[in-house]
PDB file of N, CA and C in Angstrom:
ATOM      1  N   MET A   1       0.834  -1.178   0.011  1.00  0.00           N
ATOM      2  CA  MET A   1       0.045  -0.078   0.020  1.00  0.00           C
ATOM      3  C   MET A   1       0.945   1.234   0.037  1.00  0.00           C
ATOM      4  N   ARG A   2       0.420   2.254  -0.735  1.00  0.00           N
ATOM      5  CA  ARG A   2       1.265   3.341  -0.873  1.00  0.00           C
ATOM      6  C   ARG A   2       0.952   4.376   0.460  1.00  0.00           C
ATOM      7  N   LYS A   3       1.907   5.182   0.743  1.00  0.00           N
ATOM      8  CA  LYS A   3       1.567   6.059   1.709  1.00  0.00           C
ATOM      9  C   LYS A   3       1.079   7.393   1.124  1.00  0.00           C
ATOM     10  N   LYS A   4       0.280   8.118   1.868  1.00  0.00           N
ATOM     11  CA  LYS A   4      -0.344   9.248   1.251  1.00  0.00           C
ATOM     12  C   LYS A   4       0.801  10.399   0.825  1.00  0.00           C
ATOM     13  N   SER A   5       1.905  10.339   1.498  1.00  0.00           N
ATOM     14  CA  SER A   5       2.974  11.248   1.174  1.00  0.00           C
ATOM     15  C   SER A   5       3.565  10.885  -0.163  1.00  0.00           C
ATOM     16  N   ASP A   6       3.363   9.611  -0.749  1.00  0.00           N
ATOM     17  CA  ASP A   6       3.984   9.219  -1.956  1.00  0.00           C
ATOM     18  C   ASP A   6       3.103   9.515  -3.112  1.00  0.00           C
ATOM     19  N   LEU A   7       1.777   9.911  -2.811  1.00  0.00           N
ATOM     20  CA  LEU A   7       0.864  10.195  -3.994  1.00  0.00           C
ATOM     21  C   LEU A   7       1.092  11.549  -4.553  1.00  0.00           C
ATOM     22  N   PRO A   8       0.809  11.720  -5.821  1.00  0.00           N
ATOM     23  CA  PRO A   8       0.956  12.985  -6.531  1.00  0.00           C
ATOM     24  C   PRO A   8       0.013  14.223  -5.945  1.00  0.00           C
ATOM     25  N   THR A   9       0.480  15.343  -6.019  1.00  0.00           N
ATOM     26  CA  THR A   9      -0.381  16.410  -5.545  1.00  0.00           C
ATOM     27  C   THR A   9      -0.584  17.481  -6.577  1.00  0.00           C
ATOM     28  N   LYS A  10      -1.383  18.302  -6.446  1.00  0.00           N
ATOM     29  CA  LYS A  10      -1.688  19.551  -7.309  1.00  0.00           C
ATOM     30  C   LYS A  10      -2.034  20.618  -6.457  1.00  0.00           C
ATOM     31  N   ILE A  11      -2.086  21.949  -6.932  1.00  0.00           N
ATOM     32  CA  ILE A  11      -2.558  23.101  -6.323  1.00  0.00           C
ATOM     33  C   ILE A  11      -3.976  23.407  -6.822  1.00  0.00           C
ATOM     34  N   CYS A  12      -4.910  23.706  -6.071  1.00  0.00           N
ATOM     35  CA  CYS A  12      -6.269  24.111  -6.500  1.00  0.00           C
ATOM     36  C   CYS A  12      -6.187  25.467  -7.133  1.00  0.00           C
ATOM     37  N   ALA A  13      -6.920  25.532  -8.288  1.00  0.00           N
ATOM     38  CA  ALA A  13      -6.932  26.769  -9.144  1.00  0.00           C
ATOM     39  C   ALA A  13      -7.721  27.868  -8.360  1.00  0.00           C
ATOM     40  N   THR A  14      -8.598  27.477  -7.503  1.00  0.00           N
ATOM     41  CA  THR A  14      -9.383  28.506  -6.731  1.00  0.00           C
ATOM     42  C   THR A  14      -8.920  28.987  -5.467  1.00  0.00           C
ATOM     43  N   CYS A  15      -8.578  28.049  -4.577  1.00  0.00           N
ATOM     44  CA  CYS A  15      -8.216  28.350  -3.238  1.00  0.00           C
ATOM     45  C   CYS A  15      -6.724  28.360  -3.016  1.00  0.00           C
ATOM     46  N   GLY A  16      -5.994  27.583  -3.887  1.00  0.00           N
ATOM     47  CA  GLY A  16      -4.567  27.645  -3.799  1.00  0.00           C
ATOM     48  C   GLY A  16      -3.917  26.691  -2.790  1.00  0.00           C
ATOM     49  N   ARG A  17      -4.809  25.795  -2.296  1.00  0.00           N
ATOM     50  CA  ARG A  17      -4.381  24.711  -1.391  1.00  0.00           C
ATOM     51  C   ARG A  17      -3.951  23.550  -2.246  1.00  0.00           C
ATOM     52  N   SER A  18      -3.028  22.803  -1.566  1.00  0.00           N
ATOM     53  CA  SER A  18      -2.578  21.565  -2.319  1.00  0.00           C
ATOM     54  C   SER A  18      -3.577  20.485  -1.989  1.00  0.00           C
ATOM     55  N   PHE A  19      -3.740  19.497  -2.966  1.00  0.00           N
ATOM     56  CA  PHE A  19      -4.587  18.400  -2.734  1.00  0.00           C
ATOM     57  C   PHE A  19      -3.969  17.121  -3.277  1.00  0.00           C
ATOM     58  N   VAL A  20      -4.251  16.074  -2.725  1.00  0.00           N
ATOM     59  CA  VAL A  20      -3.690  14.764  -3.152  1.00  0.00           C
ATOM     60  C   VAL A  20      -4.518  13.951  -4.003  1.00  0.00           C
ATOM     61  N   TRP A  21      -3.909  13.115  -4.972  1.00  0.00           N
ATOM     62  CA  TRP A  21      -4.517  12.208  -5.797  1.00  0.00           C
ATOM     63  C   TRP A  21      -5.594  11.418  -5.098  1.00  0.00           C
ATOM     64  N   ARG A  22      -6.711  11.193  -5.730  1.00  0.00           N
ATOM     65  CA  ARG A  22      -7.772  10.239  -5.105  1.00  0.00           C
ATOM     66  C   ARG A  22      -8.059   9.144  -6.177  1.00  0.00           C
ATOM     67  N   LYS A  23      -8.495   7.996  -5.634  1.00  0.00           N
ATOM     68  CA  LYS A  23      -8.772   6.880  -6.499  1.00  0.00           C
ATOM     69  C   LYS A  23      -9.863   7.242  -7.530  1.00  0.00           C
ATOM     70  N   LYS A  24     -10.878   8.001  -7.160  1.00  0.00           N
ATOM     71  CA  LYS A  24     -11.954   8.354  -8.032  1.00  0.00           C
ATOM     72  C   LYS A  24     -11.424   9.251  -9.225  1.00  0.00           C
ATOM     73  N   TRP A  25     -10.228   9.868  -9.077  1.00  0.00           N
ATOM     74  CA  TRP A  25      -9.708  10.778 -10.054  1.00  0.00           C
ATOM     75  C   TRP A  25      -8.657   9.914 -10.996  1.00  0.00           C
ATOM     76  N   LYS A  26      -8.652   8.590 -10.801  1.00  0.00           N
ATOM     77  CA  LYS A  26      -7.566   7.815 -11.475  1.00  0.00           C
ATOM     78  C   LYS A  26      -7.575   8.039 -12.946  1.00  0.00           C
ATOM     79  N   GLN A  27      -8.681   7.999 -13.682  1.00  0.00           N
ATOM     80  CA  GLN A  27      -8.824   8.149 -15.067  1.00  0.00           C
ATOM     81  C   GLN A  27      -8.603   9.655 -15.613  1.00  0.00           C
ATOM     82  N   VAL A  28      -8.925  10.584 -14.717  1.00  0.00           N
ATOM     83  CA  VAL A  28      -9.020  11.985 -15.171  1.00  0.00           C
ATOM     84  C   VAL A  28      -8.013  12.912 -14.310  1.00  0.00           C
ATOM     85  N   TRP A  29      -6.905  12.296 -13.802  1.00  0.00           N
ATOM     86  CA  TRP A  29      -6.043  13.102 -12.925  1.00  0.00           C
ATOM     87  C   TRP A  29      -5.466  14.326 -13.707  1.00  0.00           C
ATOM     88  N   ASP A  30      -5.117  14.167 -14.949  1.00  0.00           N
ATOM     89  CA  ASP A  30      -4.564  15.321 -15.789  1.00  0.00           C
ATOM     90  C   ASP A  30      -5.528  16.483 -16.007  1.00  0.00           C
ATOM     91  N   GLU A  31      -6.878  16.187 -15.878  1.00  0.00           N
ATOM     92  CA  GLU A  31      -7.962  17.199 -16.047  1.00  0.00           C
ATOM     93  C   GLU A  31      -8.376  17.809 -14.810  1.00  0.00           C
ATOM     94  N   VAL A  32      -8.019  17.376 -13.567  1.00  0.00           N
ATOM     95  CA  VAL A  32      -8.454  17.790 -12.303  1.00  0.00           C
ATOM     96  C   VAL A  32      -7.770  19.114 -12.012  1.00  0.00           C
ATOM     97  N   LYS A  33      -8.591  20.160 -11.666  1.00  0.00           N
ATOM     98  CA  LYS A  33      -8.033  21.544 -11.461  1.00  0.00           C
ATOM     99  C   LYS A  33      -8.446  21.966 -10.043  1.00  0.00           C
ATOM    100  N   TYR A  34      -9.453  21.462  -9.439  1.00  0.00           N
ATOM    101  CA  TYR A  34     -10.083  21.952  -8.245  1.00  0.00           C
ATOM    102  C   TYR A  34     -10.073  20.922  -7.049  1.00  0.00           C
ATOM    103  N   CYS A  35      -9.882  21.255  -5.844  1.00  0.00           N
ATOM    104  CA  CYS A  35      -9.805  20.262  -4.741  1.00  0.00           C
ATOM    105  C   CYS A  35     -11.178  19.832  -4.337  1.00  0.00           C
ATOM    106  N   SER A  36     -12.191  20.541  -4.728  1.00  0.00           N
ATOM    107  CA  SER A  36     -13.585  20.112  -4.164  1.00  0.00           C
ATOM    108  C   SER A  36     -14.644  20.741  -5.096  1.00  0.00           C
ATOM    109  N   ASP A  37     -15.842  20.201  -4.955  1.00  0.00           N
ATOM    110  CA  ASP A  37     -16.951  20.698  -5.720  1.00  0.00           C
ATOM    111  C   ASP A  37     -17.298  22.233  -5.415  1.00  0.00           C
ATOM    112  N   ARG A  38     -17.029  22.562  -4.117  1.00  0.00           N
ATOM    113  CA  ARG A  38     -17.232  23.899  -3.720  1.00  0.00           C
ATOM    114  C   ARG A  38     -16.284  24.838  -4.501  1.00  0.00           C
ATOM    115  N   CYS A  39     -15.021  24.521  -4.598  1.00  0.00           N
ATOM    116  CA  CYS A  39     -14.025  25.365  -5.299  1.00  0.00           C
ATOM    117  C   CYS A  39     -14.408  25.382  -6.869  1.00  0.00           C
ATOM    118  N   ARG A  40     -14.753  24.280  -7.401  1.00  0.00           N
ATOM    119  CA  ARG A  40     -15.161  24.181  -8.756  1.00  0.00           C
ATOM    120  C   ARG A  40     -16.398  25.158  -9.104  1.00  0.00           C
ATOM    121  N   HIS A  41     -17.400  25.123  -8.084  1.00  0.00           N
ATOM    122  CA  HIS A  41     -18.585  25.870  -8.207  1.00  0.00           C
ATOM    123  C   HIS A  41     -18.171  27.390  -8.016  1.00  0.00           C
ATOM    124  N   GLU A  42     -17.506  27.790  -7.137  1.00  0.00           N
ATOM    125  CA  GLU A  42     -17.020  29.217  -6.847  1.00  0.00           C
ATOM    126  C   GLU A  42     -16.286  29.738  -8.027  1.00  0.00           C
ATOM    127  N   ARG A  43     -15.427  28.857  -8.621  1.00  0.00           N
ATOM    128  CA  ARG A  43     -14.654  29.452  -9.772  1.00  0.00           C
ATOM    129  C   ARG A  43     -15.581  29.798 -10.973  1.00  0.00           C
ATOM    130  N   LYS A  44     -16.618  28.982 -11.145  1.00  0.00           N
ATOM    131  CA  LYS A  44     -17.640  29.264 -12.228  1.00  0.00           C
ATOM    132  C   LYS A  44     -18.306  30.499 -11.978  1.00  0.00           C
ATOM    133  N   GLN A  45     -18.736  30.779 -10.654  1.00  0.00           N
ATOM    134  CA  GLN A  45     -19.361  31.920 -10.339  1.00  0.00           C
ATOM    135  C   GLN A  45     -18.501  33.143 -10.596  1.00  0.00           C
ATOM    136  N   THR A  46     -17.246  33.102 -10.200  1.00  0.00           N
ATOM    137  CA  THR A  46     -16.339  34.192 -10.310  1.00  0.00           C
ATOM    138  C   THR A  46     -16.088  34.527 -11.790  1.00  0.00           C
ATOM    139  N   ILE A  47     -15.920  33.546 -12.644  1.00  0.00           N
ATOM    140  CA  ILE A  47     -15.808  33.773 -14.073  1.00  0.00           C
ATOM    141  C   ILE A  47     -16.956  34.347 -14.695  1.00  0.00           C
ATOM    142  N   SER A  48     -18.192  33.937 -14.363  1.00  0.00           N
ATOM    143  CA  SER A  48     -19.398  34.474 -14.891  1.00  0.00           C
ATOM    144  C   SER A  48     -19.653  35.929 -14.454  1.00  0.00           C
ATOM    145  N   ALA A  49     -19.255  36.167 -13.211  1.00  0.00           N
ATOM    146  CA  ALA A  49     -19.436  37.564 -12.604  1.00  0.00           C
ATOM    147  C   ALA A  49     -18.481  38.518 -13.339  1.00  0.00           C
ATOM    148  N   GLU A  50     -17.211  38.061 -13.669  1.00  0.00           N
ATOM    149  CA  GLU A  50     -16.350  38.952 -14.409  1.00  0.00           C
ATOM    150  C   GLU A  50     -16.741  39.299 -15.779  1.00  0.00           C
ATOM    151  N   THR A  51     -17.430  38.340 -16.403  1.00  0.00           N
ATOM    152  CA  THR A  51     -17.792  38.647 -17.871  1.00  0.00           C
ATOM    153  C   THR A  51     -19.007  39.626 -17.891  1.00  0.00           C
ATOM    154  N   ARG A  52     -19.713  39.867 -16.789  1.00  0.00           N
ATOM    155  CA  ARG A  52     -20.864  40.686 -16.911  1.00  0.00           C
ATOM    156  C   ARG A  52     -20.459  42.168 -17.044  1.00  0.00           C
TER     157      ARG A  52
END
């Protein structure tokens, strides 16, 4: 079994926190940008507010 410290990490595009690879992201890890649904949703709101 791998230790959590051995797993790849990324930085969230919204909050700037680092997050660790999860098994459910196995197939799409290269496309993952946000650490949570909340950050993903907030990013969409910010982008749509800026375009108005």
